Amino acid sequence: MPETWPRLLLDGQPIGALAPGHLELALPLLAPHAVLRDGDLLWSPPPTARSALIQAAAEALRARGLIRGWRGELYACEAPVADPCSERGAELFRLERAAFRFFGLMSRAVHVNGWDAEGRMCCGRRAASKATDPGKLDNLAAGGLTAGEDLLDCARRELWEEAGVPPALSAGSLLQPAGVLRSRRAVPGEGLHDEVLHIYALRLPAGFTPRNQDGEVAEFLALAPEELRRRLAAGEFSPDATLVAASGLD
């Protein structure tokens, strides 16, 4: 379980958790600024070199086939805080998003529960080509928060890319904050998934039909509450979308 895994410490601060076998792989790649301490990996690079050094380590792991689904997008690793669902830590460094699970780092994402005019939840089915959870049902729109990006900007970008929702339909108070959850689980073969999910709710106007723009969604379904509950119970949704969609039924 992740609670028993070796920790990744940055200057003594716990920022990640290393799955079995990952410590031995990471240690030489982060040297000479990394040492073992009480079973954990203590990494103490010069602050201005953090991003470049851990990115180089991630690229070496990718070359060995140990990190898959490379996106060419950077996430920000934050300093630990008491409750990351209610506050943000200072940015410590930036790293390719696909490497976050290997090092067990916490990331952030936005998820939008969309409702049509008849009170049905609009859900997308992830394309078969997706590196993570292909073919699973998902929220109307969802995506990782890239380094330096505003949460609402991220939500509106994903709404357009994944569901074709134009800015006019998600502007101002139309897109409502609907809660924050933390999803943390071991992912076999990858490491630790640790993500804070910022949830938004959007009411779609009558006659609007979601249309994917980026090839990441195969189809959209409009699910009445009882059908939504049935599909959630059957495990048809991705793990994070399950948490978010269920929160919309509360």
Foldseek 3Di string as FASTA:
>chain_A
DQVPAAFEAEVNAGFFGADPPLCVLVQVQQPPQWDDDPRHIYGYDDQVCVAVSVQSSVVVCVVVVLFDDFDPFKFFFFGDDPDCQVDTHHTRYIYGPSQCQNRGGEFEKEAEFEAEPVGFTKWFAFDQPHPPPHRFIFHCFMDTDTPPDDHLVRVQVRNCQAFNDHCVQCPDCQKAWQGKDWDWDADPSRHIHTYIYTYIYHYDYPPDGTDHHHNGTDHMDGHHPVRVVVCLVVVRHHPVRSVRVVSVVD
